[in-house]
Amino acid sequence: MVSISEVLLRKVQLVGGSTLAISLPKNWTRRVGLKPGDYVFIALESDGSLRITPKSRERPKKPETVLTIKREFSKGAVVREIMSRYLAGYKVIAVRFEGEAYRYRRYLKDVVYKKLIGVEFLDENVNEIVLQVLVNVEELPANTILRRMGRIASGMLIDAVESLDSAVPEKLVDIVERDDEVDKLYLYVLRQLNAVSRGYLKLNEVGLMGIEETLQYGVVAKSIERIADHAQRIAQCILEMCEQKMVIEPSMSDTIKDFGKAVRELFRDAVKSFVNRDRVEAHSIIDSAYQKLTKYEREIIDAMVASRTNAYANMLLRLIVDSIKRVMDYSIDISEATLDLTVKD
């Protein structure tokens, strides 16, 4: 039996004086049921490789799956089960509730609305909900999705740090809620990359040049999603300070704001260098990041030492500074992914 991961060597033969041909592995043809006279699809990938698929094994247009929610499932388990099927590429997900598990219905519907792109409720009764994914994963190239994620996360970050000395609760709540949009796009691009790795989509349909690039694109998407989470945390900390009527000394807030703005520029440049495959810019971002961190870290420590802010406010400020530093770390990860993406033999 031929292993799925086995690489076979075949000699190219000249047939009919001008046609080049190779033989197909016998074990493979038996396993997929291929016979003389059958047709196969040959996909020309952008990395120069070929993908051969028997016509009889053409992927169904609307693969379906059934998920049974048992009464002992936690809310987290319900979400993870739904997400795994969404990422696997299913177009129709039938969710059936066992016993008292129906109590998760409202929670499940809220999660689907907030976290999944293009998912609609096709049918619904007391014991079952049927979800249909209407959006096709090839409709948006991967770079377009990453740019969109980057713009939203960048906007969240700058709006959050700007609120440090001029907090408006409604604006901060809006920043917190914007994280759902980034999560939607993150899950969408993972579904897309998974479809490529499984052979459901060709590389050029999503803008990739090689199957190995799915790794770098996954790393960058995850980094942007985490950056949005930290922007959300900054907004939540400032919202707490606002509700507690805490006053931050101007020197402290100005220093943290300057740090946040500098890191936000780093993040924007990192995303831009990745989608543009700019290796030189990626090196520049990594080199300058550590210089900026050293400069602002010293200024922030000095400001905190001189500050008269109470202990609870200082704790929230430390959380904000830590999140900004994490954004910088993830921006470096994006730049390193750019180097991995553009390395030449």
Protein backbone atom coordinates (compact mmCIF):
# COMPACT_ATOMS: atom_id res chain seq x y z
CA MET A 1 0.00 0.00 0.00
CA VAL A 2 1.33 3.44 -0.94
CA SER A 3 1.66 5.80 2.01
CA ILE A 4 -0.08 9.16 1.67
CA SER A 5 3.21 10.93 2.39
CA GLU A 6 5.39 8.65 0.20
CA VAL A 7 7.30 10.25 -2.67
CA LEU A 8 7.69 8.06 -5.75
CA LEU A 9 10.22 8.49 -8.54
CA ARG A 10 8.98 8.09 -12.11
CA LYS A 11 10.93 8.26 -15.38
CA VAL A 12 9.49 10.54 -18.06
CA GLN A 13 8.86 8.56 -21.27
CA LEU A 14 8.55 9.81 -24.83
CA VAL A 15 5.33 8.53 -26.42
CA GLY A 16 4.33 8.94 -30.06
CA GLY A 17 7.39 10.94 -30.95
CA SER A 18 6.41 14.19 -29.18
CA THR A 19 4.36 13.45 -26.04
CA LEU A 20 5.94 13.14 -22.60
CA ALA A 21 4.26 10.68 -20.21
CA ILE A 22 4.71 9.02 -16.84
CA SER A 23 2.99 5.97 -15.37
CA LEU A 24 0.66 6.27 -12.37
CA PRO A 25 1.44 4.20 -9.23
CA LYS A 26 -0.48 0.92 -9.42
CA ASN A 27 -1.37 0.86 -5.71
CA TRP A 28 -2.75 4.38 -5.95
CA THR A 29 -4.91 3.65 -9.00
CA ARG A 30 -6.37 0.62 -7.21
CA ARG A 31 -7.03 2.58 -4.04
CA VAL A 32 -8.91 5.37 -5.83
CA GLY A 33 -10.63 2.99 -8.29
CA LEU A 34 -9.04 4.38 -11.44
CA LYS A 35 -9.48 2.29 -14.61
CA PRO A 36 -8.38 2.62 -18.27
CA GLY A 37 -10.60 5.18 -19.98
CA ASP A 38 -11.34 7.13 -16.79
CA TYR A 39 -10.66 10.88 -16.63
CA VAL A 40 -8.54 12.75 -14.12
CA PHE A 41 -8.25 16.43 -13.24
CA ILE A 42 -4.72 17.87 -13.49
CA ALA A 43 -4.27 21.12 -11.58
CA LEU A 44 -1.25 23.26 -12.47
CA GLU A 45 -0.10 24.89 -9.23
CA SER A 46 1.73 28.21 -9.10
CA ASP A 47 4.78 26.55 -7.47
CA GLY A 48 5.32 24.40 -10.59
CA SER A 49 3.80 21.22 -9.18
CA LEU A 50 0.86 19.19 -10.51
CA ARG A 51 -2.08 17.83 -8.53
CA ILE A 52 -3.88 14.81 -10.01
CA THR A 53 -7.42 14.05 -8.84
CA PRO A 54 -9.70 11.29 -10.20
CA LYS A 55 -12.88 12.77 -11.69
CA SER A 56 -14.89 10.29 -9.63
CA ARG A 57 -13.42 11.85 -6.50
CA GLU A 58 -14.35 15.43 -7.33
CA ARG A 59 -15.19 17.18 -4.11
CA PRO A 60 -18.95 17.44 -3.46
CA LYS A 61 -20.26 20.96 -3.72
CA LYS A 62 -22.05 20.89 -0.38
CA PRO A 63 -20.40 18.46 2.05
CA GLU A 64 -22.48 18.01 5.18
CA THR A 65 -21.76 16.99 8.74
CA VAL A 66 -23.86 16.23 11.79
CA LEU A 67 -22.87 17.39 15.28
CA THR A 68 -24.65 15.98 18.31
CA ILE A 69 -24.46 18.24 21.37
CA LYS A 70 -24.59 16.04 24.45
CA ARG A 71 -25.93 17.26 27.79
CA GLU A 72 -22.48 16.98 29.42
CA PHE A 73 -20.88 19.35 26.89
CA SER A 74 -19.57 22.65 28.25
CA LYS A 75 -20.13 25.91 26.40
CA GLY A 76 -16.49 25.89 25.37
CA ALA A 77 -16.80 22.36 23.98
CA VAL A 78 -19.84 23.37 21.91
CA VAL A 79 -17.95 26.30 20.37
CA ARG A 80 -14.86 24.21 19.64
CA GLU A 81 -16.93 21.50 17.93
CA ILE A 82 -18.63 24.08 15.70
CA MET A 83 -15.37 25.87 14.88
CA SER A 84 -13.56 22.64 13.96
CA ARG A 85 -16.28 21.75 11.45
CA TYR A 86 -16.33 25.27 10.02
CA LEU A 87 -12.54 25.19 9.56
CA ALA A 88 -12.72 21.70 8.02
CA GLY A 89 -14.67 23.21 5.11
CA TYR A 90 -18.18 21.83 5.62
CA LYS A 91 -20.91 23.78 3.86
CA VAL A 92 -23.81 22.43 5.93
CA ILE A 93 -23.57 21.73 9.67
CA ALA A 94 -26.57 20.07 11.32
CA VAL A 95 -26.45 20.60 15.11
CA ARG A 96 -28.62 18.22 17.09
CA PHE A 97 -29.29 18.68 20.80
CA GLU A 98 -29.44 15.69 23.10
CA GLY A 99 -31.61 15.94 26.22
CA GLU A 100 -31.21 19.28 28.03
CA ALA A 101 -28.42 20.40 25.70
CA TYR A 102 -31.00 22.62 23.95
CA ARG A 103 -30.14 25.25 26.58
CA TYR A 104 -27.06 26.06 24.47
CA ARG A 105 -29.16 27.14 21.49
CA ARG A 106 -29.17 30.87 22.22
CA TYR A 107 -25.49 30.85 23.13
CA LEU A 108 -24.61 28.96 19.95
CA LYS A 109 -26.56 31.35 17.75
CA ASP A 110 -24.80 34.31 19.35
CA VAL A 111 -21.37 32.76 18.70
CA VAL A 112 -22.21 31.99 15.07
CA TYR A 113 -23.42 35.56 14.51
CA LYS A 114 -20.32 37.13 16.09
CA LYS A 115 -17.55 34.81 14.93
CA LEU A 116 -18.37 33.18 11.57
CA ILE A 117 -18.53 34.85 8.16
CA GLY A 118 -21.31 33.90 5.76
CA VAL A 119 -23.05 31.39 8.05
CA GLU A 120 -26.85 31.44 8.03
CA PHE A 121 -29.51 29.39 9.81
CA LEU A 122 -31.01 27.17 7.14
CA ASP A 123 -33.50 25.36 9.39
CA GLU A 124 -34.39 25.30 13.06
CA ASN A 125 -36.60 23.38 15.44
CA VAL A 126 -36.55 22.57 19.15
CA ASN A 127 -33.97 19.77 18.82
CA GLU A 128 -31.91 20.84 15.83
CA ILE A 129 -30.30 23.83 14.13
CA VAL A 130 -28.98 23.56 10.57
CA LEU A 131 -26.21 25.98 9.58
CA GLN A 132 -25.21 26.68 6.00
CA VAL A 133 -21.97 28.40 4.98
CA LEU A 134 -22.92 30.59 2.04
CA VAL A 135 -19.57 32.29 1.42
CA ASN A 136 -16.95 30.60 -0.76
CA VAL A 137 -13.41 30.57 0.59
CA GLU A 138 -11.91 31.56 -2.76
CA GLU A 139 -13.86 34.83 -2.99
CA LEU A 140 -11.21 36.82 -1.08
CA PRO A 141 -7.47 36.33 -1.62
CA ALA A 142 -5.48 35.67 1.55
CA ASN A 143 -3.57 38.96 1.28
CA THR A 144 -6.83 40.90 1.09
CA ILE A 145 -8.02 39.25 4.30
CA LEU A 146 -4.74 39.96 6.12
CA ARG A 147 -4.82 43.61 5.04
CA ARG A 148 -8.38 43.92 6.33
CA MET A 149 -7.48 42.25 9.63
CA GLY A 150 -4.46 44.53 9.95
CA ARG A 151 -6.50 47.69 9.36
CA ILE A 152 -9.09 46.75 11.97
CA ALA A 153 -6.51 45.72 14.58
CA SER A 154 -4.42 48.84 13.89
CA GLY A 155 -7.48 51.05 14.31
CA MET A 156 -8.39 49.31 17.55
CA LEU A 157 -4.88 49.84 18.92
CA ILE A 158 -4.56 53.53 18.08
CA ASP A 159 -8.11 54.31 19.28
CA ALA A 160 -7.38 52.51 22.55
CA VAL A 161 -4.10 54.28 23.37
CA GLU A 162 -5.53 57.66 22.33
CA SER A 163 -8.27 57.11 24.93
CA LEU A 164 -5.78 56.95 27.78
CA ASP A 165 -6.22 60.63 28.66
CA SER A 166 -9.58 61.25 26.99
CA ALA A 167 -11.67 58.16 27.67
CA VAL A 168 -15.19 57.93 26.26
CA PRO A 169 -16.95 54.76 27.51
CA GLU A 170 -18.99 54.29 24.33
CA LYS A 171 -15.86 54.49 22.18
CA LEU A 172 -14.05 51.97 24.39
CA VAL A 173 -16.97 49.53 24.21
CA ASP A 174 -16.89 49.88 20.41
CA ILE A 175 -13.17 48.98 20.41
CA VAL A 176 -13.89 45.87 22.50
CA GLU A 177 -16.64 44.76 20.11
CA ARG A 178 -14.49 45.29 17.01
CA ASP A 179 -12.42 42.28 18.08
CA ASP A 180 -15.26 40.05 16.80
CA GLU A 181 -14.63 41.33 13.26
CA VAL A 182 -10.98 40.31 13.44
CA ASP A 183 -11.96 36.90 14.82
CA LYS A 184 -14.36 36.39 11.91
CA LEU A 185 -11.67 37.13 9.34
CA TYR A 186 -9.15 34.99 11.21
CA LEU A 187 -11.41 31.93 11.13
CA TYR A 188 -12.26 32.64 7.50
CA VAL A 189 -8.60 32.70 6.40
CA LEU A 190 -7.90 29.51 8.41
CA ARG A 191 -10.81 27.82 6.59
CA GLN A 192 -9.26 29.04 3.34
CA LEU A 193 -5.74 27.79 4.15
CA ASN A 194 -7.17 24.46 5.25
CA ALA A 195 -9.01 24.13 1.93
CA VAL A 196 -5.72 24.71 0.09
CA SER A 197 -3.82 22.15 2.17
CA ARG A 198 -6.55 19.55 1.53
CA GLY A 199 -6.51 20.19 -2.19
CA TYR A 200 -10.00 21.73 -2.39
CA LEU A 201 -8.57 24.97 -3.77
CA LYS A 202 -5.66 25.73 -6.06
CA LEU A 203 -2.85 27.89 -4.71
CA ASN A 204 -3.44 30.72 -7.18
CA GLU A 205 -7.10 30.93 -6.19
CA VAL A 206 -6.09 32.37 -2.83
CA GLY A 207 -2.90 34.12 -3.93
CA LEU A 208 -0.30 31.67 -2.61
CA MET A 209 2.79 30.63 -4.56
CA GLY A 210 3.51 27.33 -2.79
CA ILE A 211 1.79 24.91 -0.43
CA GLU A 212 4.47 25.59 2.20
CA GLU A 213 3.28 29.22 2.39
CA THR A 214 0.17 28.13 4.26
CA LEU A 215 2.37 27.94 7.37
CA GLN A 216 3.57 31.54 7.16
CA TYR A 217 0.10 32.84 6.34
CA GLY A 218 -1.31 30.96 9.32
CA VAL A 219 1.36 32.45 11.62
CA VAL A 220 0.65 35.99 10.42
CA ALA A 221 -3.13 35.60 10.71
CA LYS A 222 -2.75 34.30 14.27
CA SER A 223 -0.38 37.16 15.16
CA ILE A 224 -2.84 39.77 13.92
CA GLU A 225 -5.69 38.07 15.79
CA ARG A 226 -3.64 38.18 19.01
CA ILE A 227 -2.76 41.84 18.43
CA ALA A 228 -6.48 42.63 18.21
CA ASP A 229 -6.98 40.74 21.50
CA HIS A 230 -4.36 42.94 23.18
CA ALA A 231 -5.91 46.12 21.75
CA GLN A 232 -9.18 44.90 23.24
CA ARG A 233 -7.48 44.34 26.61
CA ILE A 234 -6.04 47.86 26.55
CA ALA A 235 -9.53 49.26 25.93
CA GLN A 236 -10.95 47.15 28.77
CA CYS A 237 -8.26 48.41 31.18
CA ILE A 238 -8.94 52.04 30.24
CA LEU A 239 -12.68 51.44 30.57
CA GLU A 240 -12.10 50.12 34.10
CA MET A 241 -10.03 53.22 34.92
CA CYS A 242 -12.77 55.41 33.52
CA GLU A 243 -15.47 53.68 35.59
CA GLN A 244 -13.32 54.00 38.73
CA LYS A 245 -12.72 57.70 37.91
CA MET A 246 -8.95 57.25 38.04
CA VAL A 247 -6.79 60.18 36.95
CA ILE A 248 -3.50 59.47 35.19
CA GLU A 249 -0.68 61.99 35.33
CA PRO A 250 -0.09 63.62 31.92
CA SER A 251 3.60 62.64 31.80
CA MET A 252 2.65 59.00 32.30
CA SER A 253 -0.17 58.92 29.76
CA ASP A 254 1.90 60.82 27.17
CA THR A 255 4.79 58.35 27.46
CA ILE A 256 2.52 55.30 27.13
CA LYS A 257 0.66 56.90 24.21
CA ASP A 258 3.92 57.60 22.40
CA PHE A 259 4.98 53.99 22.93
CA GLY A 260 1.64 52.74 21.63
CA LYS A 261 1.79 54.94 18.53
CA ALA A 262 5.34 53.82 17.74
CA VAL A 263 4.40 50.14 18.07
CA ARG A 264 1.29 50.66 15.98
CA GLU A 265 3.46 52.00 13.15
CA LEU A 266 5.72 48.97 13.52
CA PHE A 267 2.70 46.68 13.26
CA ARG A 268 1.32 48.42 10.16
CA ASP A 269 4.72 48.24 8.46
CA ALA A 270 5.07 44.56 9.39
CA VAL A 271 1.76 43.62 7.74
CA LYS A 272 2.61 45.72 4.69
CA SER A 273 6.04 44.10 4.33
CA PHE A 274 4.47 40.64 4.52
CA VAL A 275 1.82 41.12 1.85
CA ASN A 276 4.39 42.92 -0.37
CA ARG A 277 7.01 40.23 0.34
CA ASP A 278 9.49 42.98 1.26
CA ARG A 279 12.45 41.24 2.87
CA VAL A 280 14.50 44.43 3.34
CA GLU A 281 11.68 46.18 5.21
CA ALA A 282 11.19 43.11 7.43
CA HIS A 283 14.83 43.28 8.53
CA SER A 284 14.47 47.01 9.22
CA ILE A 285 11.37 46.45 11.38
CA ILE A 286 13.05 43.79 13.51
CA ASP A 287 16.18 45.91 14.01
CA SER A 288 14.27 49.06 14.99
CA ALA A 289 11.81 47.27 17.29
CA TYR A 290 14.35 46.50 19.99
CA GLN A 291 15.72 50.04 19.89
CA LYS A 292 12.26 51.48 20.40
CA LEU A 293 11.49 49.04 23.20
CA THR A 294 14.65 50.00 25.12
CA LYS A 295 13.94 53.72 24.74
CA TYR A 296 10.30 53.64 25.83
CA GLU A 297 10.81 51.04 28.53
CA ARG A 298 13.28 53.34 30.29
CA GLU A 299 10.94 56.33 29.98
CA ILE A 300 7.93 54.39 31.27
CA ILE A 301 9.85 53.03 34.27
CA ASP A 302 11.02 56.54 35.16
CA ALA A 303 7.46 57.88 34.83
CA MET A 304 6.04 55.13 37.06
CA VAL A 305 8.68 55.73 39.73
CA ALA A 306 7.83 59.43 39.82
CA SER A 307 4.07 58.84 39.61
CA ARG A 308 1.68 59.30 42.52
CA THR A 309 -0.96 57.08 40.96
CA ASN A 310 -2.53 54.52 43.33
CA ALA A 311 -1.58 50.83 43.25
CA TYR A 312 -4.67 49.63 41.36
CA ALA A 313 -4.23 52.23 38.63
CA ASN A 314 -0.56 51.31 38.36
CA MET A 315 -1.53 47.66 37.90
CA LEU A 316 -3.88 48.58 35.04
CA LEU A 317 -1.19 50.75 33.47
CA ARG A 318 1.27 47.87 33.66
CA LEU A 319 -1.24 45.63 31.89
CA ILE A 320 -1.60 48.26 29.16
CA VAL A 321 2.17 48.58 28.73
CA ASP A 322 2.51 44.78 28.68
CA SER A 323 -0.11 44.52 25.92
CA ILE A 324 1.71 47.15 23.85
CA LYS A 325 4.94 45.16 24.25
CA ARG A 326 3.10 42.02 23.16
CA VAL A 327 1.89 43.83 20.04
CA MET A 328 5.51 44.64 19.27
CA ASP A 329 6.49 40.98 19.79
CA TYR A 330 3.77 39.81 17.39
CA SER A 331 4.86 42.46 14.87
CA ILE A 332 8.35 40.96 15.00
CA ASP A 333 6.81 37.51 14.46
CA ILE A 334 5.08 38.85 11.33
CA SER A 335 8.37 40.26 10.05
CA GLU A 336 10.14 36.96 10.72
CA ALA A 337 7.37 35.19 8.78
CA THR A 338 8.15 37.57 5.89
CA LEU A 339 11.78 36.44 5.97
CA ASP A 340 10.68 32.79 5.96
CA LEU A 341 8.27 33.48 3.10
CA THR A 342 10.85 35.20 0.90
CA VAL A 343 13.94 33.07 1.58
CA LYS A 344 15.67 31.98 -1.62
CA ASP A 345 17.68 28.83 -2.20
